[in-house]
Structures are given as structure tokens and as C-alpha cells.
């Protein structure tokens, strides 16, 4: 799946010389957590987010250090923090060189960027200009659609069982002979032994996601390795 398949076309933006107030009001108006900052040609120059506006003197939340700690922080850093908490223009508080994406990027790569940089929204560029936004909400909507579209039709019990075993085998985190899967009229019963509670949960989830499964009873026990493979 590509970014273009899930992104929101178009995006609310703000200019770097706009007042911080305008950025805050725009985020509140559209109920979004961040805005691309674009120049007069529509090219991305930064990103201003809720996080950029958390440490402000107006809300008495600016960063404060004890006097002796300031001796360990260089003057440039202190001055930069002051501008960030007191600056009146967007370009004084925005994040420069923001993470961006293109429409043909795999969605998995964008999720990785969100996790790596701990961000919620990524501007999508076309020819250097902002064409849209891909956000966690966009990905959540795709997940909801995929879950709604999962096959619900009854499946042959033997086929259901094999699908579960195949899925577990593909993952590679569980020796195939430590569990047993029984399926009757779409109702799955899991038995056997594993060495870690997380494996027990993973097997259950694999069974719950198999097409045709109505219910899952998990009787798998967690035992020490020395006992489980005696």
C-alpha cells in the first residue's frame, strides 16, 4: 500500500511570517496537531506542531532551570530556548527540515518514520510542494476498513486449522510441534505448551484472525523450557 492510497489531499498550511496565534487558531479550527509551514511558492520550509507550542511564557510553561544548572548549558542553547518560548512568528518556533513523504512511498516506510521521529503527521510533497498530509488518523481509517472487509463466510474446519498453522509457521517464533489446534464448526481450541506468555498470546491472536473463526479457547500453558521439552 502506498502513501497516495491513504493520504488526505490538500492541507491547511501557514506562512513562516504568520503570527504564532494564527498557527494555534488554525490547528484548533481544523482539530489537527500540526501545520506545514510553506513559503510564497508553496514549498515546505518547516512544520509547527502542538509540541512546538507547549513551552510558552504565556501559559507559564516555559522551560526553567535552577541557576546552577544554567552553568552547564551554553548561552546559545539558552538563547534559542528563549526565542522558542517567546517568539511571536511561526518561523521562530517551527521545526526546520521536517520529515516529509511522497505519494509513491510505501505506507510501511511512513509508519517507520512516524515511530522513529515520534510524530503524528507527515506532509506529502509533489515537486517540492505540499500536496497533502498522511497522519496516524489516515492509517487508523485504513485499518478500520481492512477489519470491516475481513472474510466472514463460514470456512471448512480443516481449512481453518491449516490456515492457523500456516500463519504460525510463517512467523517463525514458535516450534510447530508444541501446540495443537482443534477446530469444530469454526470454534477453535488451542492446547499445548510454550515457554513465554507472549507466545501464548501470539498464537491466540493468529487464531482469532483466521477467516471463519467464531471463537477461540486458549488452553495453552506456559512452562519452563526444561519442562516443556522433556
C-alpha atoms as a PDB file:
ATOM      1  CA  UNK A   1       0.000   0.000   0.000  1.00  0.00           C
ATOM      2  CA  UNK A   2       1.319   3.437  -0.935  1.00  0.00           C
ATOM      3  CA  UNK A   3       1.028   6.815   0.797  1.00  0.00           C
ATOM      4  CA  UNK A   4      -1.151   8.093  -2.071  1.00  0.00           C
ATOM      5  CA  UNK A   5      -3.716   5.395  -1.233  1.00  0.00           C
ATOM      6  CA  UNK A   6      -4.408   6.787   2.249  1.00  0.00           C
ATOM      7  CA  UNK A   7      -3.289  10.434   2.402  1.00  0.00           C
ATOM      8  CA  UNK A   8      -5.591  13.410   2.766  1.00  0.00           C
ATOM      9  CA  UNK A   9      -5.428  15.582  -0.341  1.00  0.00           C
ATOM     10  CA  UNK A  10      -4.625  19.200   0.386  1.00  0.00           C
ATOM     11  CA  UNK A  11      -3.613  20.544   3.767  1.00  0.00           C
ATOM     12  CA  UNK A  12      -4.066  23.556   5.972  1.00  0.00           C
ATOM     13  CA  UNK A  13      -0.776  25.453   5.938  1.00  0.00           C
ATOM     14  CA  UNK A  14       0.759  28.555   7.453  1.00  0.00           C
ATOM     15  CA  UNK A  15       3.410  31.014   6.298  1.00  0.00           C
ATOM     16  CA  UNK A  16       6.670  31.411   8.240  1.00  0.00           C
ATOM     17  CA  UNK A  17       5.985  35.107   8.888  1.00  0.00           C
ATOM     18  CA  UNK A  18       2.483  34.405  10.261  1.00  0.00           C
ATOM     19  CA  UNK A  19       1.815  35.089  13.957  1.00  0.00           C
ATOM     20  CA  UNK A  20       2.016  32.156  16.342  1.00  0.00           C
ATOM     21  CA  UNK A  21      -1.583  32.969  17.251  1.00  0.00           C
ATOM     22  CA  UNK A  22      -2.687  32.233  13.670  1.00  0.00           C
ATOM     23  CA  UNK A  23      -0.993  28.829  13.757  1.00  0.00           C
ATOM     24  CA  UNK A  24      -2.630  27.944  17.083  1.00  0.00           C
ATOM     25  CA  UNK A  25      -6.059  29.088  15.908  1.00  0.00           C
ATOM     26  CA  UNK A  26      -5.755  27.150  12.638  1.00  0.00           C
ATOM     27  CA  UNK A  27      -4.860  23.931  14.465  1.00  0.00           C
ATOM     28  CA  UNK A  28      -7.825  24.403  16.781  1.00  0.00           C
ATOM     29  CA  UNK A  29     -10.177  25.232  13.915  1.00  0.00           C
ATOM     30  CA  UNK A  30      -9.349  22.076  11.957  1.00  0.00           C
ATOM     31  CA  UNK A  31      -8.735  19.903  15.033  1.00  0.00           C
ATOM     32  CA  UNK A  32      -5.242  18.930  13.880  1.00  0.00           C
ATOM     33  CA  UNK A  33      -1.954  18.581  15.738  1.00  0.00           C
ATOM     34  CA  UNK A  34       0.364  20.269  13.251  1.00  0.00           C
ATOM     35  CA  UNK A  35       0.694  22.504  10.213  1.00  0.00           C
ATOM     36  CA  UNK A  36       3.146  22.501   7.293  1.00  0.00           C
ATOM     37  CA  UNK A  37       4.893  25.842   7.001  1.00  0.00           C
ATOM     38  CA  UNK A  38       5.260  26.908   3.363  1.00  0.00           C
ATOM     39  CA  UNK A  39       6.915  29.813   1.590  1.00  0.00           C
ATOM     40  CA  UNK A  40       5.320  32.086  -1.015  1.00  0.00           C
ATOM     41  CA  UNK A  41       5.865  29.400  -3.682  1.00  0.00           C
ATOM     42  CA  UNK A  42       4.112  26.741  -1.611  1.00  0.00           C
ATOM     43  CA  UNK A  43       7.335  24.876  -0.821  1.00  0.00           C
ATOM     44  CA  UNK A  44       7.767  23.208   2.545  1.00  0.00           C
ATOM     45  CA  UNK A  45      10.139  25.069   4.892  1.00  0.00           C
ATOM     46  CA  UNK A  46       9.074  23.741   8.270  1.00  0.00           C
ATOM     47  CA  UNK A  47       6.426  22.206  10.489  1.00  0.00           C
ATOM     48  CA  UNK A  48       4.737  23.748  13.508  1.00  0.00           C
ATOM     49  CA  UNK A  49       3.005  21.368  15.905  1.00  0.00           C
ATOM     50  CA  UNK A  50       1.316  21.299  19.277  1.00  0.00           C
ATOM     51  CA  UNK A  51       4.639  20.193  20.727  1.00  0.00           C
ATOM     52  CA  UNK A  52       6.327  23.356  19.466  1.00  0.00           C
ATOM     53  CA  UNK A  53       3.821  25.454  21.418  1.00  0.00           C
ATOM     54  CA  UNK A  54       3.852  23.592  24.732  1.00  0.00           C
ATOM     55  CA  UNK A  55       6.717  25.561  26.307  1.00  0.00           C
ATOM     56  CA  UNK A  56       5.426  29.151  26.223  1.00  0.00           C
ATOM     57  CA  UNK A  57       5.757  32.056  28.628  1.00  0.00           C
ATOM     58  CA  UNK A  58       2.098  32.998  28.077  1.00  0.00           C
ATOM     59  CA  UNK A  59       0.968  29.731  29.693  1.00  0.00           C
ATOM     60  CA  UNK A  60       3.747  29.782  32.304  1.00  0.00           C
ATOM     61  CA  UNK A  61       5.131  26.535  30.894  1.00  0.00           C
ATOM     62  CA  UNK A  62       8.460  27.755  29.529  1.00  0.00           C
ATOM     63  CA  UNK A  63      11.482  25.646  30.443  1.00  0.00           C
ATOM     64  CA  UNK A  64      13.095  26.699  33.701  1.00  0.00           C
ATOM     65  CA  UNK A  65      16.397  25.528  35.106  1.00  0.00           C
ATOM     66  CA  UNK A  66      17.856  26.177  38.506  1.00  0.00           C
ATOM     67  CA  UNK A  67      20.503  28.865  38.436  1.00  0.00           C
ATOM     68  CA  UNK A  68      23.387  26.470  38.985  1.00  0.00           C
ATOM     69  CA  UNK A  69      22.223  24.211  36.130  1.00  0.00           C
ATOM     70  CA  UNK A  70      22.438  27.112  33.682  1.00  0.00           C
ATOM     71  CA  UNK A  71      26.234  26.997  34.117  1.00  0.00           C
ATOM     72  CA  UNK A  72      26.196  23.628  32.311  1.00  0.00           C
ATOM     73  CA  UNK A  73      24.145  24.898  29.355  1.00  0.00           C
ATOM     74  CA  UNK A  74      25.801  27.052  26.711  1.00  0.00           C
ATOM     75  CA  UNK A  75      24.492  30.554  26.124  1.00  0.00           C
ATOM     76  CA  UNK A  76      23.411  29.740  22.566  1.00  0.00           C
ATOM     77  CA  UNK A  77      21.096  26.968  23.749  1.00  0.00           C
ATOM     78  CA  UNK A  78      19.572  29.212  26.409  1.00  0.00           C
ATOM     79  CA  UNK A  79      19.011  31.962  23.844  1.00  0.00           C
ATOM     80  CA  UNK A  80      17.446  29.504  21.406  1.00  0.00           C
ATOM     81  CA  UNK A  81      15.046  28.272  24.085  1.00  0.00           C
ATOM     82  CA  UNK A  82      14.108  31.853  24.907  1.00  0.00           C
ATOM     83  CA  UNK A  83      13.249  32.627  21.274  1.00  0.00           C
ATOM     84  CA  UNK A  84      11.224  29.426  21.031  1.00  0.00           C
ATOM     85  CA  UNK A  85       9.157  30.230  24.127  1.00  0.00           C
ATOM     86  CA  UNK A  86       8.786  33.960  23.437  1.00  0.00           C
ATOM     87  CA  UNK A  87       8.892  34.280  19.633  1.00  0.00           C
ATOM     88  CA  UNK A  88       5.817  35.797  18.002  1.00  0.00           C
ATOM     89  CA  UNK A  89       6.285  34.476  14.441  1.00  0.00           C
ATOM     90  CA  UNK A  90       5.894  30.910  13.196  1.00  0.00           C
ATOM     91  CA  UNK A  91       9.455  30.720  11.847  1.00  0.00           C
ATOM     92  CA  UNK A  92      10.745  31.352  15.394  1.00  0.00           C
ATOM     93  CA  UNK A  93       9.005  28.307  16.843  1.00  0.00           C
ATOM     94  CA  UNK A  94       8.662  25.858  13.934  1.00  0.00           C
ATOM     95  CA  UNK A  95      10.693  22.707  13.392  1.00  0.00           C
ATOM     96  CA  UNK A  96      13.003  23.184  10.439  1.00  0.00           C
ATOM     97  CA  UNK A  97      13.898  20.477   7.903  1.00  0.00           C
ATOM     98  CA  UNK A  98      10.771  18.466   8.747  1.00  0.00           C
ATOM     99  CA  UNK A  99      10.229  14.852   7.796  1.00  0.00           C
ATOM    100  CA  UNK A 100       8.273  14.551   4.549  1.00  0.00           C
ATOM    101  CA  UNK A 101       6.989  11.855   2.217  1.00  0.00           C
ATOM    102  CA  UNK A 102       5.967  11.384  -1.398  1.00  0.00           C
ATOM    103  CA  UNK A 103       2.822   9.726  -2.713  1.00  0.00           C
ATOM    104  CA  UNK A 104       4.692   6.711  -4.096  1.00  0.00           C
ATOM    105  CA  UNK A 105       6.381   5.822  -0.796  1.00  0.00           C
ATOM    106  CA  UNK A 106       5.299   2.510   0.800  1.00  0.00           C
ATOM    107  CA  UNK A 107       2.976   3.134   3.730  1.00  0.00           C
ATOM    108  CA  UNK A 108       5.165   0.914   5.895  1.00  0.00           C
ATOM    109  CA  UNK A 109       8.087   3.332   5.395  1.00  0.00           C
ATOM    110  CA  UNK A 110       5.989   6.273   6.564  1.00  0.00           C
ATOM    111  CA  UNK A 111       4.867   4.369   9.668  1.00  0.00           C
ATOM    112  CA  UNK A 112       8.536   3.736  10.378  1.00  0.00           C
ATOM    113  CA  UNK A 113       9.267   7.465  10.099  1.00  0.00           C
ATOM    114  CA  UNK A 114       6.424   8.291  12.488  1.00  0.00           C
ATOM    115  CA  UNK A 115       7.780   5.832  15.026  1.00  0.00           C
ATOM    116  CA  UNK A 116      11.397   6.918  14.595  1.00  0.00           C
ATOM    117  CA  UNK A 117      10.706  10.638  14.940  1.00  0.00           C
ATOM    118  CA  UNK A 118       7.727  10.314  17.318  1.00  0.00           C
ATOM    119  CA  UNK A 119       5.453  12.412  15.086  1.00  0.00           C
ATOM    120  CA  UNK A 120       1.775  12.169  14.179  1.00  0.00           C
ATOM    121  CA  UNK A 121       1.595  13.866  10.767  1.00  0.00           C
ATOM    122  CA  UNK A 122       3.853  13.948   7.727  1.00  0.00           C
ATOM    123  CA  UNK A 123       3.408  16.353   4.797  1.00  0.00           C
ATOM    124  CA  UNK A 124       3.285  14.680   1.379  1.00  0.00           C
ATOM    125  CA  UNK A 125       5.183  16.524  -1.330  1.00  0.00           C
ATOM    126  CA  UNK A 126       4.774  16.707  -5.078  1.00  0.00           C
ATOM    127  CA  UNK A 127       7.532  18.610  -6.891  1.00  0.00           C
ATOM    128  CA  UNK A 128       8.600  20.093  -3.558  1.00  0.00           C
ATOM    129  CA  UNK A 129       5.176  21.480  -2.756  1.00  0.00           C
ATOM    130  CA  UNK A 130       2.706  20.230  -0.157  1.00  0.00           C
ATOM    131  CA  UNK A 131       0.096  18.055  -1.882  1.00  0.00           C
ATOM    132  CA  UNK A 132      -1.439  16.517   1.211  1.00  0.00           C
ATOM    133  CA  UNK A 133      -0.934  15.019   4.655  1.00  0.00           C
ATOM    134  CA  UNK A 134      -0.597  11.461   5.891  1.00  0.00           C
ATOM    135  CA  UNK A 135      -1.417  11.118   9.581  1.00  0.00           C
ATOM    136  CA  UNK A 136      -1.977   8.439  12.176  1.00  0.00           C
ATOM    137  CA  UNK A 137      -5.702   9.046  11.694  1.00  0.00           C
ATOM    138  CA  UNK A 138      -5.391   8.204   7.989  1.00  0.00           C
ATOM    139  CA  UNK A 139      -3.702   4.926   8.862  1.00  0.00           C
ATOM    140  CA  UNK A 140      -6.333   4.184  11.502  1.00  0.00           C
ATOM    141  CA  UNK A 141      -9.102   4.658   8.909  1.00  0.00           C
ATOM    142  CA  UNK A 142      -7.381   2.163   6.598  1.00  0.00           C
ATOM    143  CA  UNK A 143      -7.122  -0.313   9.475  1.00  0.00           C
ATOM    144  CA  UNK A 144     -10.840   0.060  10.213  1.00  0.00           C
ATOM    145  CA  UNK A 145     -11.734  -0.555   6.553  1.00  0.00           C
ATOM    146  CA  UNK A 146      -9.490  -3.608   6.397  1.00  0.00           C
ATOM    147  CA  UNK A 147     -11.011  -5.054   9.555  1.00  0.00           C
ATOM    148  CA  UNK A 148     -14.523  -4.489   8.182  1.00  0.00           C
ATOM    149  CA  UNK A 149     -13.590  -6.275   4.955  1.00  0.00           C
ATOM    150  CA  UNK A 150     -12.146  -9.404   6.586  1.00  0.00           C
ATOM    151  CA  UNK A 151     -13.825 -12.564   5.245  1.00  0.00           C
ATOM    152  CA  UNK A 152     -16.775 -13.584   7.397  1.00  0.00           C
ATOM    153  CA  UNK A 153     -18.116 -16.509   5.393  1.00  0.00           C
ATOM    154  CA  UNK A 154     -18.032 -19.968   7.024  1.00  0.00           C
ATOM    155  CA  UNK A 155     -14.901 -21.949   6.220  1.00  0.00           C
ATOM    156  CA  UNK A 156     -14.207 -25.663   6.226  1.00  0.00           C
ATOM    157  CA  UNK A 157     -12.818 -26.591   9.664  1.00  0.00           C
ATOM    158  CA  UNK A 158      -9.794 -28.380   8.211  1.00  0.00           C
ATOM    159  CA  UNK A 159      -9.026 -25.350   6.065  1.00  0.00           C
ATOM    160  CA  UNK A 160      -9.380 -23.037   9.064  1.00  0.00           C
ATOM    161  CA  UNK A 161      -6.992 -25.217  11.068  1.00  0.00           C
ATOM    162  CA  UNK A 162      -4.440 -25.281   8.270  1.00  0.00           C
ATOM    163  CA  UNK A 163      -4.644 -21.530   7.823  1.00  0.00           C
ATOM    164  CA  UNK A 164      -3.876 -21.038  11.516  1.00  0.00           C
ATOM    165  CA  UNK A 165      -0.938 -23.453  11.419  1.00  0.00           C
ATOM    166  CA  UNK A 166       0.420 -21.852   8.245  1.00  0.00           C
ATOM    167  CA  UNK A 167       0.241 -18.380   9.765  1.00  0.00           C
ATOM    168  CA  UNK A 168       2.100 -19.512  12.895  1.00  0.00           C
ATOM    169  CA  UNK A 169       4.737 -21.273  10.786  1.00  0.00           C
ATOM    170  CA  UNK A 170       5.283 -18.137   8.690  1.00  0.00           C
ATOM    171  CA  UNK A 171       6.090 -16.087  11.771  1.00  0.00           C
ATOM    172  CA  UNK A 172       8.902 -18.330  12.950  1.00  0.00           C
ATOM    173  CA  UNK A 173       8.563 -17.623  16.669  1.00  0.00           C
ATOM    174  CA  UNK A 174       7.098 -20.983  17.695  1.00  0.00           C
ATOM    175  CA  UNK A 175       8.224 -24.582  17.110  1.00  0.00           C
ATOM    176  CA  UNK A 176       5.315 -26.215  15.282  1.00  0.00           C
ATOM    177  CA  UNK A 177       5.090 -29.313  17.496  1.00  0.00           C
ATOM    178  CA  UNK A 178       4.474 -27.523  20.818  1.00  0.00           C
ATOM    179  CA  UNK A 179       0.783 -26.753  20.265  1.00  0.00           C
ATOM    180  CA  UNK A 180      -2.333 -28.429  18.964  1.00  0.00           C
ATOM    181  CA  UNK A 181      -5.148 -26.698  17.094  1.00  0.00           C
ATOM    182  CA  UNK A 182      -8.638 -28.200  17.004  1.00  0.00           C
ATOM    183  CA  UNK A 183     -11.499 -26.637  15.044  1.00  0.00           C
ATOM    184  CA  UNK A 184     -15.174 -27.623  15.313  1.00  0.00           C
ATOM    185  CA  UNK A 185     -17.801 -25.570  13.488  1.00  0.00           C
ATOM    186  CA  UNK A 186     -15.451 -22.599  13.440  1.00  0.00           C
ATOM    187  CA  UNK A 187     -14.721 -22.795  17.170  1.00  0.00           C
ATOM    188  CA  UNK A 188     -11.001 -23.127  17.826  1.00  0.00           C
ATOM    189  CA  UNK A 189      -9.396 -24.830  20.809  1.00  0.00           C
ATOM    190  CA  UNK A 190      -5.691 -24.355  21.432  1.00  0.00           C
ATOM    191  CA  UNK A 191      -3.684 -26.767  23.585  1.00  0.00           C
ATOM    192  CA  UNK A 192      -0.016 -27.390  24.277  1.00  0.00           C
ATOM    193  CA  UNK A 193       2.956 -25.750  25.903  1.00  0.00           C
ATOM    194  CA  UNK A 194       5.022 -22.620  25.285  1.00  0.00           C
ATOM    195  CA  UNK A 195       7.947 -21.081  27.141  1.00  0.00           C
ATOM    196  CA  UNK A 196       6.688 -17.482  27.234  1.00  0.00           C
ATOM    197  CA  UNK A 197       3.286 -15.856  27.874  1.00  0.00           C
ATOM    198  CA  UNK A 198       3.879 -13.617  24.863  1.00  0.00           C
ATOM    199  CA  UNK A 199       3.981 -16.687  22.610  1.00  0.00           C
ATOM    200  CA  UNK A 200       0.702 -17.872  24.106  1.00  0.00           C
ATOM    201  CA  UNK A 201      -0.903 -14.535  23.254  1.00  0.00           C
ATOM    202  CA  UNK A 202       0.556 -14.507  19.747  1.00  0.00           C
ATOM    203  CA  UNK A 203      -0.867 -17.940  18.945  1.00  0.00           C
ATOM    204  CA  UNK A 204      -4.286 -16.816  20.173  1.00  0.00           C
ATOM    205  CA  UNK A 205      -4.169 -13.693  18.007  1.00  0.00           C
ATOM    206  CA  UNK A 206      -3.159 -15.748  14.959  1.00  0.00           C
ATOM    207  CA  UNK A 207      -6.167 -17.986  15.537  1.00  0.00           C
ATOM    208  CA  UNK A 208      -8.574 -15.087  16.105  1.00  0.00           C
ATOM    209  CA  UNK A 209      -7.564 -13.507  12.792  1.00  0.00           C
ATOM    210  CA  UNK A 210      -8.068 -16.622  10.675  1.00  0.00           C
ATOM    211  CA  UNK A 211     -11.086 -16.389   8.307  1.00  0.00           C
ATOM    212  CA  UNK A 212     -14.060 -18.415   9.507  1.00  0.00           C
ATOM    213  CA  UNK A 213     -13.119 -18.450  13.208  1.00  0.00           C
ATOM    214  CA  UNK A 214     -16.059 -17.841  15.532  1.00  0.00           C
ATOM    215  CA  UNK A 215     -14.359 -18.232  18.908  1.00  0.00           C
ATOM    216  CA  UNK A 216     -11.007 -19.201  20.404  1.00  0.00           C
ATOM    217  CA  UNK A 217     -10.441 -21.124  23.632  1.00  0.00           C
ATOM    218  CA  UNK A 218      -6.830 -20.846  24.678  1.00  0.00           C
ATOM    219  CA  UNK A 219      -5.707 -23.743  26.882  1.00  0.00           C
ATOM    220  CA  UNK A 220      -2.030 -23.340  26.065  1.00  0.00           C
ATOM    221  CA  UNK A 221       0.123 -23.455  29.191  1.00  0.00           C
ATOM    222  CA  UNK A 222       3.316 -21.559  29.876  1.00  0.00           C
ATOM    223  CA  UNK A 223       6.010 -23.758  31.405  1.00  0.00           C
ATOM    224  CA  UNK A 224       9.791 -23.546  31.890  1.00  0.00           C
ATOM    225  CA  UNK A 225      11.810 -24.679  28.881  1.00  0.00           C
ATOM    226  CA  UNK A 226      13.292 -27.594  30.806  1.00  0.00           C
ATOM    227  CA  UNK A 227       9.797 -28.986  31.466  1.00  0.00           C
ATOM    228  CA  UNK A 228       8.127 -28.154  28.151  1.00  0.00           C
ATOM    229  CA  UNK A 229      10.598 -30.169  26.081  1.00  0.00           C
ATOM    230  CA  UNK A 230      11.197 -33.138  28.397  1.00  0.00           C
END
